[in-house]
Protein backbone atom coordinates (compact mmCIF):
# COMPACT_ATOMS: atom_id res chain seq x y z
CA MET A 1 129.75 157.12 65.70
CA ILE A 2 132.37 157.22 67.67
CA THR A 3 135.18 154.51 67.82
CA LYS A 4 136.61 153.71 71.14
CA ASN A 5 140.42 154.97 71.76
CA VAL A 6 140.68 154.05 75.81
CA GLY A 7 141.63 150.44 76.46
CA LYS A 8 140.02 148.63 79.06
CA LYS A 9 142.92 148.99 81.89
CA GLU A 10 142.94 152.62 80.93
CA GLY A 11 139.19 152.83 81.06
CA ILE A 12 139.36 151.01 84.83
CA PHE A 13 141.93 153.26 85.63
CA ARG A 14 140.16 156.29 84.73
CA ILE A 15 136.82 155.08 86.64
CA VAL A 16 138.82 154.43 89.72
CA LEU A 17 140.64 157.89 89.28
CA GLY A 18 137.37 159.63 88.67
CA LEU A 19 135.65 158.33 91.62
CA GLY A 20 138.56 159.32 93.59
CA LEU A 21 138.74 162.96 92.52
CA LEU A 22 134.83 163.20 93.00
CA ALA A 23 135.22 161.62 96.73
CA LEU A 24 138.01 164.35 97.84
CA PRO A 25 136.16 167.70 98.32
CA PRO A 26 133.47 166.22 100.58
CA MET A 27 136.14 164.69 102.70
CA PHE A 28 138.16 167.72 103.00
CA GLN A 29 137.68 171.43 103.16
CA PHE A 30 138.78 172.80 99.76
CA PRO A 31 138.28 176.12 98.54
CA VAL A 32 135.50 176.78 95.76
CA TRP A 33 138.03 177.11 93.05
CA ALA A 34 139.77 173.88 93.97
CA THR A 35 136.39 171.91 94.65
CA THR A 36 135.51 172.98 91.19
CA VAL A 37 138.58 171.99 89.55
CA THR A 38 138.58 168.75 91.10
CA TYR A 39 135.08 167.86 90.23
CA GLY A 40 135.51 169.00 86.56
CA PHE A 41 138.88 166.48 86.28
CA GLY A 42 136.92 163.86 88.05
CA LEU A 43 133.81 163.89 86.06
CA VAL A 44 136.09 163.91 82.71
CA ALA A 45 137.93 161.11 84.10
CA LEU A 46 134.90 159.19 85.00
CA ILE A 47 133.10 159.49 81.67
CA THR A 48 135.74 159.14 79.49
CA GLY A 49 136.27 156.01 81.19
CA ILE A 50 132.62 154.68 81.05
CA ILE A 51 132.61 155.29 77.39
CA GLY A 52 135.89 154.63 76.51
CA TYR A 53 136.39 157.46 74.21
CA CYS A 54 138.91 160.35 75.08
CA PRO A 55 138.77 163.46 72.60
CA GLY A 56 142.04 164.47 74.12
CA TRP A 57 143.47 161.02 72.59
CA HIS A 58 141.56 161.34 69.31
CA LEU A 59 143.32 164.71 69.11
CA PHE A 60 146.81 163.74 69.30
CA GLY A 61 145.96 160.46 67.41
CA ILE A 62 146.45 157.99 70.59
CA ASN A 63 144.78 154.57 70.78
CA THR A 64 145.35 152.55 73.84
CA CYS A 65 142.59 149.90 72.80
CA HIS A 66 143.82 146.39 71.38
CA LYS A 67 142.79 145.85 67.71
CA ASP A 68 139.81 143.81 68.74
CA ASP A 69 138.42 146.37 71.23
CA SER A 70 138.94 149.79 68.75
CA ASN A 71 136.64 148.50 66.38
CA GLN A 72 133.69 148.38 68.54
CA SER A 73 131.55 151.89 68.58
CA THR A 74 129.54 153.55 71.34
CA ASN A 75 126.12 154.69 71.53
């Protein structure tokens, strides 16, 4: 069971950032390597924002949830 460690505001920010990064390569002529990196960061930001869990935050012991939010788990 995964405990959420990404707060609501940060989750919204990650979703917006992820969608923005995913929209960049089709709008501009990026080299293949830059497109791959941009899509990778965009997907990670989007997924962590949606599920509310960031493995990096877990590794460093960071939790941006309020006490009420962090007790909820995702499936």
